[in-house]
PDB file of N, CA and C in Angstrom:
ATOM      1  N   MET A   1      -9.114 -30.907  72.932  1.00  0.00           N
ATOM      2  CA  MET A   1      -8.461 -31.930  73.750  1.00  0.00           C
ATOM      3  C   MET A   1      -6.966 -31.733  73.728  1.00  0.00           C
ATOM      4  N   GLU A   2      -6.415 -31.352  72.577  1.00  0.00           N
ATOM      5  CA  GLU A   2      -4.995 -31.151  72.404  1.00  0.00           C
ATOM      6  C   GLU A   2      -4.503 -30.049  73.385  1.00  0.00           C
ATOM      7  N   TRP A   3      -5.203 -28.974  73.549  1.00  0.00           N
ATOM      8  CA  TRP A   3      -4.864 -27.905  74.390  1.00  0.00           C
ATOM      9  C   TRP A   3      -4.931 -28.270  75.846  1.00  0.00           C
ATOM     10  N   PHE A   4      -5.926 -29.057  76.229  1.00  0.00           N
ATOM     11  CA  PHE A   4      -6.012 -29.519  77.607  1.00  0.00           C
ATOM     12  C   PHE A   4      -4.805 -30.465  77.885  1.00  0.00           C
ATOM     13  N   GLU A   5      -4.433 -31.249  76.902  1.00  0.00           N
ATOM     14  CA  GLU A   5      -3.304 -32.190  77.105  1.00  0.00           C
ATOM     15  C   GLU A   5      -2.038 -31.372  77.268  1.00  0.00           C
ATOM     16  N   ARG A   6      -1.828 -30.356  76.420  1.00  0.00           N
ATOM     17  CA  ARG A   6      -0.622 -29.521  76.561  1.00  0.00           C
ATOM     18  C   ARG A   6      -0.594 -28.835  77.890  1.00  0.00           C
ATOM     19  N   ALA A   7      -1.687 -28.249  78.317  1.00  0.00           N
ATOM     20  CA  ALA A   7      -1.724 -27.572  79.580  1.00  0.00           C
ATOM     21  C   ALA A   7      -1.504 -28.545  80.748  1.00  0.00           C
ATOM     22  N   SER A   8      -2.069 -29.740  80.631  1.00  0.00           N
ATOM     23  CA  SER A   8      -1.918 -30.758  81.653  1.00  0.00           C
ATOM     24  C   SER A   8      -0.410 -31.131  81.786  1.00  0.00           C
ATOM     25  N   LEU A   9       0.235 -31.327  80.637  1.00  0.00           N
ATOM     26  CA  LEU A   9       1.684 -31.651  80.640  1.00  0.00           C
ATOM     27  C   LEU A   9       2.526 -30.495  81.303  1.00  0.00           C
ATOM     28  N   ALA A  10       2.027 -29.302  81.156  1.00  0.00           N
ATOM     29  CA  ALA A  10       2.682 -28.111  81.730  1.00  0.00           C
ATOM     30  C   ALA A  10       2.432 -27.924  83.193  1.00  0.00           C
ATOM     31  N   GLY A  11       1.579 -28.814  83.824  1.00  0.00           N
ATOM     32  CA  GLY A  11       1.324 -28.769  85.235  1.00  0.00           C
ATOM     33  C   GLY A  11      -0.043 -28.253  85.647  1.00  0.00           C
ATOM     34  N   ASP A  12      -0.902 -27.924  84.728  1.00  0.00           N
ATOM     35  CA  ASP A  12      -2.223 -27.405  85.065  1.00  0.00           C
ATOM     36  C   ASP A  12      -3.200 -28.464  85.534  1.00  0.00           C
ATOM     37  N   ASP A  13      -3.559 -28.413  86.819  1.00  0.00           N
ATOM     38  CA  ASP A  13      -4.466 -29.447  87.348  1.00  0.00           C
ATOM     39  C   ASP A  13      -5.891 -29.368  86.750  1.00  0.00           C
ATOM     40  N   VAL A  14      -6.378 -28.154  86.470  1.00  0.00           N
ATOM     41  CA  VAL A  14      -7.726 -27.994  85.906  1.00  0.00           C
ATOM     42  C   VAL A  14      -7.785 -28.582  84.455  1.00  0.00           C
ATOM     43  N   ALA A  15      -6.727 -28.387  83.705  1.00  0.00           N
ATOM     44  CA  ALA A  15      -6.637 -28.950  82.367  1.00  0.00           C
ATOM     45  C   ALA A  15      -6.666 -30.494  82.473  1.00  0.00           C
ATOM     46  N   ALA A  16      -5.930 -31.076  83.384  1.00  0.00           N
ATOM     47  CA  ALA A  16      -5.861 -32.511  83.571  1.00  0.00           C
ATOM     48  C   ALA A  16      -7.290 -32.992  83.987  1.00  0.00           C
ATOM     49  N   PHE A  17      -7.928 -32.257  84.855  1.00  0.00           N
ATOM     50  CA  PHE A  17      -9.268 -32.647  85.252  1.00  0.00           C
ATOM     51  C   PHE A  17     -10.291 -32.578  84.040  1.00  0.00           C
ATOM     52  N   ASN A  18     -10.219 -31.495  83.334  1.00  0.00           N
ATOM     53  CA  ASN A  18     -11.089 -31.308  82.178  1.00  0.00           C
ATOM     54  C   ASN A  18     -10.896 -32.426  81.101  1.00  0.00           C
ATOM     55  N   LEU A  19      -9.650 -32.793  80.891  1.00  0.00           N
ATOM     56  CA  LEU A  19      -9.317 -33.849  79.963  1.00  0.00           C
ATOM     57  C   LEU A  19      -9.897 -35.165  80.490  1.00  0.00           C
ATOM     58  N   ALA A  20      -9.739 -35.423  81.770  1.00  0.00           N
ATOM     59  CA  ALA A  20     -10.283 -36.641  82.368  1.00  0.00           C
ATOM     60  C   ALA A  20     -11.822 -36.680  82.175  1.00  0.00           C
ATOM     61  N   VAL A  21     -12.462 -35.625  82.426  1.00  0.00           N
ATOM     62  CA  VAL A  21     -13.904 -35.560  82.272  1.00  0.00           C
ATOM     63  C   VAL A  21     -14.331 -35.885  80.809  1.00  0.00           C
ATOM     64  N   MET A  22     -13.591 -35.293  79.872  1.00  0.00           N
ATOM     65  CA  MET A  22     -13.920 -35.571  78.471  1.00  0.00           C
ATOM     66  C   MET A  22     -13.765 -37.026  78.166  1.00  0.00           C
ATOM     67  N   LEU A  23     -12.738 -37.635  78.652  1.00  0.00           N
ATOM     68  CA  LEU A  23     -12.484 -39.039  78.406  1.00  0.00           C
ATOM     69  C   LEU A  23     -13.459 -39.926  79.194  1.00  0.00           C
ATOM     70  N   ASP A  24     -13.823 -39.507  80.375  1.00  0.00           N
ATOM     71  CA  ASP A  24     -14.805 -40.221  81.250  1.00  0.00           C
ATOM     72  C   ASP A  24     -16.221 -40.240  80.614  1.00  0.00           C
ATOM     73  N   GLU A  25     -16.635 -39.111  80.181  1.00  0.00           N
ATOM     74  CA  GLU A  25     -17.978 -38.969  79.583  1.00  0.00           C
ATOM     75  C   GLU A  25     -18.117 -39.395  78.135  1.00  0.00           C
ATOM     76  N   GLY A  26     -17.016 -39.300  77.412  1.00  0.00           N
ATOM     77  CA  GLY A  26     -17.059 -39.678  75.994  1.00  0.00           C
ATOM     78  C   GLY A  26     -17.937 -38.829  75.147  1.00  0.00           C
ATOM     79  N   LYS A  27     -18.150 -37.556  75.511  1.00  0.00           N
ATOM     80  CA  LYS A  27     -19.037 -36.718  74.643  1.00  0.00           C
ATOM     81  C   LYS A  27     -18.338 -36.096  73.481  1.00  0.00           C
ATOM     82  N   LEU A  28     -17.148 -35.591  73.663  1.00  0.00           N
ATOM     83  CA  LEU A  28     -16.495 -34.954  72.582  1.00  0.00           C
ATOM     84  C   LEU A  28     -15.347 -35.823  71.967  1.00  0.00           C
ATOM     85  N   VAL A  29     -15.018 -36.829  72.698  1.00  0.00           N
ATOM     86  CA  VAL A  29     -14.007 -37.837  72.314  1.00  0.00           C
ATOM     87  C   VAL A  29     -14.463 -39.242  72.688  1.00  0.00           C
ATOM     88  N   PRO A  30     -13.889 -40.281  72.071  1.00  0.00           N
ATOM     89  CA  PRO A  30     -14.274 -41.574  72.489  1.00  0.00           C
ATOM     90  C   PRO A  30     -14.094 -41.815  73.987  1.00  0.00           C
ATOM     91  N   GLU A  31     -15.036 -42.491  74.636  1.00  0.00           N
ATOM     92  CA  GLU A  31     -14.859 -42.736  76.077  1.00  0.00           C
ATOM     93  C   GLU A  31     -13.681 -43.718  76.308  1.00  0.00           C
ATOM     94  N   ASP A  32     -12.900 -43.332  77.321  1.00  0.00           N
ATOM     95  CA  ASP A  32     -11.728 -44.159  77.658  1.00  0.00           C
ATOM     96  C   ASP A  32     -11.536 -44.003  79.170  1.00  0.00           C
ATOM     97  N   ASN A  33     -12.177 -44.868  79.934  1.00  0.00           N
ATOM     98  CA  ASN A  33     -12.145 -44.704  81.419  1.00  0.00           C
ATOM     99  C   ASN A  33     -10.744 -44.979  81.961  1.00  0.00           C
ATOM    100  N   GLY A  34      -9.958 -45.827  81.286  1.00  0.00           N
ATOM    101  CA  GLY A  34      -8.625 -46.020  81.818  1.00  0.00           C
ATOM    102  C   GLY A  34      -7.777 -44.750  81.800  1.00  0.00           C
ATOM    103  N   LYS A  35      -7.848 -44.077  80.604  1.00  0.00           N
ATOM    104  CA  LYS A  35      -7.098 -42.834  80.505  1.00  0.00           C
ATOM    105  C   LYS A  35      -7.682 -41.797  81.377  1.00  0.00           C
ATOM    106  N   ALA A  36      -9.047 -41.733  81.506  1.00  0.00           N
ATOM    107  CA  ALA A  36      -9.676 -40.785  82.378  1.00  0.00           C
ATOM    108  C   ALA A  36      -9.158 -40.903  83.809  1.00  0.00           C
ATOM    109  N   ALA A  37      -9.061 -42.161  84.249  1.00  0.00           N
ATOM    110  CA  ALA A  37      -8.596 -42.406  85.630  1.00  0.00           C
ATOM    111  C   ALA A  37      -7.085 -41.862  85.777  1.00  0.00           C
ATOM    112  N   LYS A  38      -6.316 -42.044  84.797  1.00  0.00           N
ATOM    113  CA  LYS A  38      -4.905 -41.581  84.844  1.00  0.00           C
ATOM    114  C   LYS A  38      -4.897 -39.968  84.976  1.00  0.00           C
ATOM    115  N   PHE A  39      -5.731 -39.331  84.186  1.00  0.00           N
ATOM    116  CA  PHE A  39      -5.736 -37.897  84.235  1.00  0.00           C
ATOM    117  C   PHE A  39      -6.426 -37.371  85.548  1.00  0.00           C
ATOM    118  N   TYR A  40      -7.406 -38.152  86.014  1.00  0.00           N
ATOM    119  CA  TYR A  40      -7.967 -37.741  87.334  1.00  0.00           C
ATOM    120  C   TYR A  40      -6.908 -37.883  88.424  1.00  0.00           C
ATOM    121  N   ARG A  41      -6.138 -38.963  88.350  1.00  0.00           N
ATOM    122  CA  ARG A  41      -5.071 -39.149  89.329  1.00  0.00           C
ATOM    123  C   ARG A  41      -4.081 -37.991  89.278  1.00  0.00           C
ATOM    124  N   LEU A  42      -3.653 -37.633  88.078  1.00  0.00           N
ATOM    125  CA  LEU A  42      -2.705 -36.588  87.857  1.00  0.00           C
ATOM    126  C   LEU A  42      -3.248 -35.243  88.461  1.00  0.00           C
ATOM    127  N   ALA A  43      -4.494 -34.935  88.140  1.00  0.00           N
ATOM    128  CA  ALA A  43      -5.125 -33.735  88.708  1.00  0.00           C
ATOM    129  C   ALA A  43      -5.273 -33.818  90.223  1.00  0.00           C
ATOM    130  N   ALA A  44      -5.680 -34.989  90.747  1.00  0.00           N
ATOM    131  CA  ALA A  44      -5.793 -35.203  92.178  1.00  0.00           C
ATOM    132  C   ALA A  44      -4.479 -35.017  92.927  1.00  0.00           C
ATOM    133  N   ASP A  45      -3.403 -35.585  92.314  1.00  0.00           N
ATOM    134  CA  ASP A  45      -2.080 -35.471  92.909  1.00  0.00           C
ATOM    135  C   ASP A  45      -1.602 -33.949  92.929  1.00  0.00           C
ATOM    136  N   ARG A  46      -2.201 -33.146  92.058  1.00  0.00           N
ATOM    137  CA  ARG A  46      -1.885 -31.726  92.024  1.00  0.00           C
ATOM    138  C   ARG A  46      -2.833 -30.918  92.874  1.00  0.00           C
ATOM    139  N   GLY A  47      -3.726 -31.609  93.653  1.00  0.00           N
ATOM    140  CA  GLY A  47      -4.596 -30.964  94.601  1.00  0.00           C
ATOM    141  C   GLY A  47      -5.950 -30.601  94.092  1.00  0.00           C
ATOM    142  N   ASN A  48      -6.389 -31.084  92.906  1.00  0.00           N
ATOM    143  CA  ASN A  48      -7.732 -30.831  92.406  1.00  0.00           C
ATOM    144  C   ASN A  48      -8.766 -31.685  93.118  1.00  0.00           C
ATOM    145  N   VAL A  49      -9.588 -31.014  93.920  1.00  0.00           N
ATOM    146  CA  VAL A  49     -10.594 -31.686  94.759  1.00  0.00           C
ATOM    147  C   VAL A  49     -11.647 -32.412  93.892  1.00  0.00           C
ATOM    148  N   ASP A  50     -12.120 -31.882  92.839  1.00  0.00           N
ATOM    149  CA  ASP A  50     -13.038 -32.507  91.971  1.00  0.00           C
ATOM    150  C   ASP A  50     -12.478 -33.791  91.348  1.00  0.00           C
ATOM    151  N   ALA A  51     -11.211 -33.787  91.033  1.00  0.00           N
ATOM    152  CA  ALA A  51     -10.582 -34.973  90.521  1.00  0.00           C
ATOM    153  C   ALA A  51     -10.499 -36.057  91.600  1.00  0.00           C
ATOM    154  N   MET A  52     -10.202 -35.611  92.848  1.00  0.00           N
ATOM    155  CA  MET A  52     -10.193 -36.587  93.934  1.00  0.00           C
ATOM    156  C   MET A  52     -11.555 -37.350  94.066  1.00  0.00           C
ATOM    157  N   VAL A  53     -12.586 -36.581  93.978  1.00  0.00           N
ATOM    158  CA  VAL A  53     -13.914 -37.178  94.110  1.00  0.00           C
ATOM    159  C   VAL A  53     -14.168 -38.084  92.952  1.00  0.00           C
ATOM    160  N   ASN A  54     -13.924 -37.659  91.740  1.00  0.00           N
ATOM    161  CA  ASN A  54     -14.235 -38.524  90.556  1.00  0.00           C
ATOM    162  C   ASN A  54     -13.330 -39.728  90.502  1.00  0.00           C
ATOM    163  N   LEU A  55     -12.095 -39.621  90.966  1.00  0.00           N
ATOM    164  CA  LEU A  55     -11.225 -40.781  91.019  1.00  0.00           C
ATOM    165  C   LEU A  55     -11.732 -41.759  92.116  1.00  0.00           C
ATOM    166  N   GLY A  56     -12.178 -41.110  93.211  1.00  0.00           N
ATOM    167  CA  GLY A  56     -12.742 -42.003  94.271  1.00  0.00           C
ATOM    168  C   GLY A  56     -13.899 -42.792  93.780  1.00  0.00           C
ATOM    169  N   LEU A  57     -14.793 -42.142  92.981  1.00  0.00           N
ATOM    170  CA  LEU A  57     -15.950 -42.825  92.445  1.00  0.00           C
ATOM    171  C   LEU A  57     -15.525 -43.988  91.471  1.00  0.00           C
ATOM    172  N   MET A  58     -14.517 -43.687  90.640  1.00  0.00           N
ATOM    173  CA  MET A  58     -14.034 -44.730  89.749  1.00  0.00           C
ATOM    174  C   MET A  58     -13.412 -45.911  90.510  1.00  0.00           C
ATOM    175  N   LEU A  59     -12.616 -45.571  91.582  1.00  0.00           N
ATOM    176  CA  LEU A  59     -12.042 -46.656  92.410  1.00  0.00           C
ATOM    177  C   LEU A  59     -13.090 -47.455  93.095  1.00  0.00           C
ATOM    178  N   GLY A  60     -14.151 -46.754  93.603  1.00  0.00           N
ATOM    179  CA  GLY A  60     -15.203 -47.411  94.309  1.00  0.00           C
ATOM    180  C   GLY A  60     -15.978 -48.361  93.458  1.00  0.00           C
ATOM    181  N   ASN A  61     -16.157 -48.038  92.169  1.00  0.00           N
ATOM    182  CA  ASN A  61     -16.986 -48.786  91.246  1.00  0.00           C
ATOM    183  C   ASN A  61     -16.178 -49.717  90.377  1.00  0.00           C
ATOM    184  N   GLY A  62     -14.858 -49.585  90.335  1.00  0.00           N
ATOM    185  CA  GLY A  62     -14.006 -50.334  89.433  1.00  0.00           C
ATOM    186  C   GLY A  62     -14.302 -49.938  88.020  1.00  0.00           C
ATOM    187  N   GLU A  63     -14.465 -48.628  87.805  1.00  0.00           N
ATOM    188  CA  GLU A  63     -14.775 -48.110  86.455  1.00  0.00           C
ATOM    189  C   GLU A  63     -13.461 -47.639  85.829  1.00  0.00           C
ATOM    190  N   GLY A  64     -13.044 -48.439  84.856  1.00  0.00           N
ATOM    191  CA  GLY A  64     -11.743 -48.030  84.101  1.00  0.00           C
ATOM    192  C   GLY A  64     -10.507 -48.469  84.835  1.00  0.00           C
ATOM    193  N   ILE A  65     -10.595 -48.786  86.102  1.00  0.00           N
ATOM    194  CA  ILE A  65      -9.480 -49.307  86.876  1.00  0.00           C
ATOM    195  C   ILE A  65      -9.968 -50.371  87.857  1.00  0.00           C
ATOM    196  N   ALA A  66      -9.064 -51.035  88.448  1.00  0.00           N
ATOM    197  CA  ALA A  66      -9.477 -52.095  89.401  1.00  0.00           C
ATOM    198  C   ALA A  66     -10.161 -51.441  90.595  1.00  0.00           C
ATOM    199  N   LYS A  67     -11.221 -52.152  91.060  1.00  0.00           N
ATOM    200  CA  LYS A  67     -11.947 -51.659  92.209  1.00  0.00           C
ATOM    201  C   LYS A  67     -11.072 -51.768  93.424  1.00  0.00           C
ATOM    202  N   ASP A  68     -11.017 -50.684  94.184  1.00  0.00           N
ATOM    203  CA  ASP A  68     -10.144 -50.520  95.318  1.00  0.00           C
ATOM    204  C   ASP A  68     -10.766 -49.664  96.357  1.00  0.00           C
ATOM    205  N   ILE A  69     -11.571 -50.278  97.247  1.00  0.00           N
ATOM    206  CA  ILE A  69     -12.271 -49.497  98.254  1.00  0.00           C
ATOM    207  C   ILE A  69     -11.372 -48.698  99.180  1.00  0.00           C
ATOM    208  N   PRO A  70     -10.262 -49.285  99.685  1.00  0.00           N
ATOM    209  CA  PRO A  70      -9.391 -48.471 100.535  1.00  0.00           C
ATOM    210  C   PRO A  70      -8.843 -47.207  99.794  1.00  0.00           C
ATOM    211  N   ALA A  71      -8.487 -47.416  98.558  1.00  0.00           N
ATOM    212  CA  ALA A  71      -7.971 -46.227  97.750  1.00  0.00           C
ATOM    213  C   ALA A  71      -9.125 -45.238  97.519  1.00  0.00           C
ATOM    214  N   ALA A  72     -10.301 -45.712  97.296  1.00  0.00           N
ATOM    215  CA  ALA A  72     -11.509 -44.837  97.103  1.00  0.00           C
ATOM    216  C   ALA A  72     -11.720 -44.045  98.391  1.00  0.00           C
ATOM    217  N   ARG A  73     -11.671 -44.734  99.564  1.00  0.00           N
ATOM    218  CA  ARG A  73     -11.841 -44.076 100.801  1.00  0.00           C
ATOM    219  C   ARG A  73     -10.735 -43.032 101.022  1.00  0.00           C
ATOM    220  N   ASN A  74      -9.484 -43.278 100.640  1.00  0.00           N
ATOM    221  CA  ASN A  74      -8.459 -42.352 100.751  1.00  0.00           C
ATOM    222  C   ASN A  74      -8.673 -41.108  99.901  1.00  0.00           C
ATOM    223  N   MET A  75      -9.145 -41.263  98.659  1.00  0.00           N
ATOM    224  CA  MET A  75      -9.468 -40.155  97.821  1.00  0.00           C
ATOM    225  C   MET A  75     -10.587 -39.305  98.378  1.00  0.00           C
ATOM    226  N   PHE A  76     -11.645 -39.963  98.853  1.00  0.00           N
ATOM    227  CA  PHE A  76     -12.763 -39.208  99.474  1.00  0.00           C
ATOM    228  C   PHE A  76     -12.262 -38.461 100.755  1.00  0.00           C
ATOM    229  N   ARG A  77     -11.416 -39.104 101.495  1.00  0.00           N
ATOM    230  CA  ARG A  77     -10.922 -38.450 102.695  1.00  0.00           C
ATOM    231  C   ARG A  77     -10.180 -37.194 102.406  1.00  0.00           C
ATOM    232  N   LYS A  78      -9.276 -37.285 101.369  1.00  0.00           N
ATOM    233  CA  LYS A  78      -8.521 -36.109 100.916  1.00  0.00           C
ATOM    234  C   LYS A  78      -9.455 -34.945 100.536  1.00  0.00           C
ATOM    235  N   ALA A  79     -10.445 -35.289  99.708  1.00  0.00           N
ATOM    236  CA  ALA A  79     -11.384 -34.321  99.223  1.00  0.00           C
ATOM    237  C   ALA A  79     -12.206 -33.758 100.438  1.00  0.00           C
ATOM    238  N   ALA A  80     -12.614 -34.621 101.349  1.00  0.00           N
ATOM    239  CA  ALA A  80     -13.400 -34.196 102.473  1.00  0.00           C
ATOM    240  C   ALA A  80     -12.560 -33.216 103.368  1.00  0.00           C
ATOM    241  N   ASN A  81     -11.297 -33.502 103.478  1.00  0.00           N
ATOM    242  CA  ASN A  81     -10.384 -32.645 104.243  1.00  0.00           C
ATOM    243  C   ASN A  81     -10.281 -31.289 103.629  1.00  0.00           C
ATOM    244  N   GLU A  82     -10.586 -31.197 102.321  1.00  0.00           N
ATOM    245  CA  GLU A  82     -10.563 -29.883 101.628  1.00  0.00           C
ATOM    246  C   GLU A  82     -11.913 -29.200 101.699  1.00  0.00           C
ATOM    247  N   GLY A  83     -12.895 -29.855 102.362  1.00  0.00           N
ATOM    248  CA  GLY A  83     -14.193 -29.240 102.570  1.00  0.00           C
ATOM    249  C   GLY A  83     -15.263 -29.776 101.592  1.00  0.00           C
ATOM    250  N   ASP A  84     -15.026 -30.749 100.793  1.00  0.00           N
ATOM    251  CA  ASP A  84     -15.983 -31.235  99.848  1.00  0.00           C
ATOM    252  C   ASP A  84     -17.077 -32.073 100.530  1.00  0.00           C
ATOM    253  N   THR A  85     -18.275 -31.574 100.559  1.00  0.00           N
ATOM    254  CA  THR A  85     -19.382 -32.230 101.306  1.00  0.00           C
ATOM    255  C   THR A  85     -19.824 -33.536 100.633  1.00  0.00           C
ATOM    256  N   PHE A  86     -19.714 -33.593  99.264  1.00  0.00           N
ATOM    257  CA  PHE A  86     -20.067 -34.860  98.600  1.00  0.00           C
ATOM    258  C   PHE A  86     -19.150 -35.931  99.054  1.00  0.00           C
ATOM    259  N   ALA A  87     -17.837 -35.585  99.107  1.00  0.00           N
ATOM    260  CA  ALA A  87     -16.827 -36.631  99.503  1.00  0.00           C
ATOM    261  C   ALA A  87     -17.067 -36.983 100.951  1.00  0.00           C
ATOM    262  N   GLU A  88     -17.534 -36.128 101.824  1.00  0.00           N
ATOM    263  CA  GLU A  88     -17.784 -36.437 103.195  1.00  0.00           C
ATOM    264  C   GLU A  88     -18.942 -37.507 103.245  1.00  0.00           C
ATOM    265  N   ARG A  89     -19.956 -37.280 102.433  1.00  0.00           N
ATOM    266  CA  ARG A  89     -21.094 -38.232 102.361  1.00  0.00           C
ATOM    267  C   ARG A  89     -20.608 -39.623 101.861  1.00  0.00           C
ATOM    268  N   LYS A  90     -19.813 -39.615 100.799  1.00  0.00           N
ATOM    269  CA  LYS A  90     -19.305 -40.880 100.298  1.00  0.00           C
ATOM    270  C   LYS A  90     -18.391 -41.581 101.296  1.00  0.00           C
ATOM    271  N   LEU A  91     -17.647 -40.877 101.967  1.00  0.00           N
ATOM    272  CA  LEU A  91     -16.758 -41.425 103.000  1.00  0.00           C
ATOM    273  C   LEU A  91     -17.643 -42.073 104.129  1.00  0.00           C
ATOM    274  N   ALA A  92     -18.726 -41.339 104.523  1.00  0.00           N
ATOM    275  CA  ALA A  92     -19.600 -41.890 105.565  1.00  0.00           C
ATOM    276  C   ALA A  92     -20.274 -43.123 105.039  1.00  0.00           C
ATOM    277  N   GLU A  93     -20.656 -43.144 103.777  1.00  0.00           N
ATOM    278  CA  GLU A  93     -21.282 -44.371 103.216  1.00  0.00           C
ATOM    279  C   GLU A  93     -20.360 -45.583 103.263  1.00  0.00           C
ATOM    280  N   LEU A  94     -19.117 -45.300 102.909  1.00  0.00           N
ATOM    281  CA  LEU A  94     -18.103 -46.393 102.913  1.00  0.00           C
ATOM    282  C   LEU A  94     -17.857 -46.887 104.338  1.00  0.00           C
ATOM    283  N   ASP A  95     -17.750 -45.934 105.296  1.00  0.00           N
ATOM    284  CA  ASP A  95     -17.512 -46.299 106.663  1.00  0.00           C
ATOM    285  C   ASP A  95     -18.718 -47.011 107.214  1.00  0.00           C
ATOM    286  N   GLY A  96     -19.937 -46.558 106.801  1.00  0.00           N
ATOM    287  CA  GLY A  96     -21.155 -47.186 107.279  1.00  0.00           C
ATOM    288  C   GLY A  96     -21.274 -48.630 106.804  1.00  0.00           C
ATOM    289  N   ASN A  97     -20.891 -48.841 105.541  1.00  0.00           N
ATOM    290  CA  ASN A  97     -20.909 -50.179 104.910  1.00  0.00           C
ATOM    291  C   ASN A  97     -19.947 -51.092 105.664  1.00  0.00           C
ATOM    292  N   ASP A  98     -18.728 -50.601 106.010  1.00  0.00           N
ATOM    293  CA  ASP A  98     -17.751 -51.326 106.737  1.00  0.00           C
ATOM    294  C   ASP A  98     -18.269 -51.752 108.153  1.00  0.00           C
ATOM    295  N   ALA A  99     -18.945 -50.764 108.767  1.00  0.00           N
ATOM    296  CA  ALA A  99     -19.477 -51.050 110.165  1.00  0.00           C
ATOM    297  C   ALA A  99     -20.607 -52.100 110.025  1.00  0.00           C
ATOM    298  N   PHE A 100     -21.409 -52.000 109.002  1.00  0.00           N
ATOM    299  CA  PHE A 100     -22.477 -52.983 108.834  1.00  0.00           C
ATOM    300  C   PHE A 100     -21.931 -54.378 108.568  1.00  0.00           C
ATOM    301  N   GLN A 101     -20.942 -54.416 107.703  1.00  0.00           N
ATOM    302  CA  GLN A 101     -20.368 -55.736 107.322  1.00  0.00           C
ATOM    303  C   GLN A 101     -19.658 -56.354 108.558  1.00  0.00           C
ATOM    304  N   THR A 102     -18.966 -55.533 109.375  1.00  0.00           N
ATOM    305  CA  THR A 102     -18.304 -56.021 110.584  1.00  0.00           C
ATOM    306  C   THR A 102     -19.359 -56.526 111.532  1.00  0.00           C
ATOM    307  N   ALA A 103     -20.431 -55.801 111.681  1.00  0.00           N
ATOM    308  CA  ALA A 103     -21.508 -56.288 112.557  1.00  0.00           C
ATOM    309  C   ALA A 103     -22.101 -57.556 112.128  1.00  0.00           C
ATOM    310  N   MET A 104     -22.340 -57.669 110.740  1.00  0.00           N
ATOM    311  CA  MET A 104     -22.907 -58.911 110.299  1.00  0.00           C
ATOM    312  C   MET A 104     -21.989 -60.143 110.445  1.00  0.00           C
ATOM    313  N   LEU A 105     -20.716 -59.866 110.236  1.00  0.00           N
ATOM    314  CA  LEU A 105     -19.715 -60.953 110.390  1.00  0.00           C
ATOM    315  C   LEU A 105     -19.736 -61.424 111.925  1.00  0.00           C
ATOM    316  N   GLY A 106     -19.768 -60.417 112.791  1.00  0.00           N
ATOM    317  CA  GLY A 106     -19.769 -60.764 114.189  1.00  0.00           C
ATOM    318  C   GLY A 106     -21.018 -61.570 114.562  1.00  0.00           C
ATOM    319  N   LYS A 107     -22.236 -61.247 113.969  1.00  0.00           N
ATOM    320  CA  LYS A 107     -23.408 -62.011 114.302  1.00  0.00           C
ATOM    321  C   LYS A 107     -23.355 -63.415 113.693  1.00  0.00           C
ATOM    322  N   THR A 108     -22.802 -63.568 112.488  1.00  0.00           N
ATOM    323  CA  THR A 108     -22.869 -64.837 111.899  1.00  0.00           C
ATOM    324  C   THR A 108     -21.766 -65.756 112.576  1.00  0.00           C
ATOM    325  N   SER A 109     -20.715 -65.191 113.117  1.00  0.00           N
ATOM    326  CA  SER A 109     -19.714 -66.042 113.710  1.00  0.00           C
ATOM    327  C   SER A 109     -20.188 -66.556 115.065  1.00  0.00           C
ATOM    328  N   ARG A 110     -21.234 -65.969 115.630  1.00  0.00           N
ATOM    329  CA  ARG A 110     -21.731 -66.407 116.924  1.00  0.00           C
ATOM    330  C   ARG A 110     -22.796 -67.509 116.753  1.00  0.00           C
ATOM    331  N   ILE A 111     -23.314 -67.690 115.564  1.00  0.00           N
ATOM    332  CA  ILE A 111     -24.304 -68.691 115.362  1.00  0.00           C
ATOM    333  C   ILE A 111     -23.666 -70.086 115.451  1.00  0.00           C
ATOM    334  N   LYS A 112     -24.360 -70.923 116.271  1.00  0.00           N
ATOM    335  CA  LYS A 112     -23.811 -72.338 116.452  1.00  0.00           C
ATOM    336  C   LYS A 112     -24.825 -73.360 116.071  1.00  0.00           C
TER     337      LYS A 112
END
């Protein structure tokens, strides 16, 4: 963990991602989703697509950080733009849920 942290501080996005995974899963170190989210964000800001996806999942579920669907959508969009097919599916799910909710709101507002 110490070496991943050092490499992360030196600008290595893969090290930041690996450190985030360790903290997220809690297998080799105590689980700390708040810190995991910070390292995922650091790696995502450096262009790490896997970190974008994992941060999107955390944002979408409110795991370790406040639930933020627009921010999750943004992370998935960035990863999808880099060709990540899982992110494309997650983005479609979020967009589909929004379309469904909009349709339901439209139907309920017409009921008299």
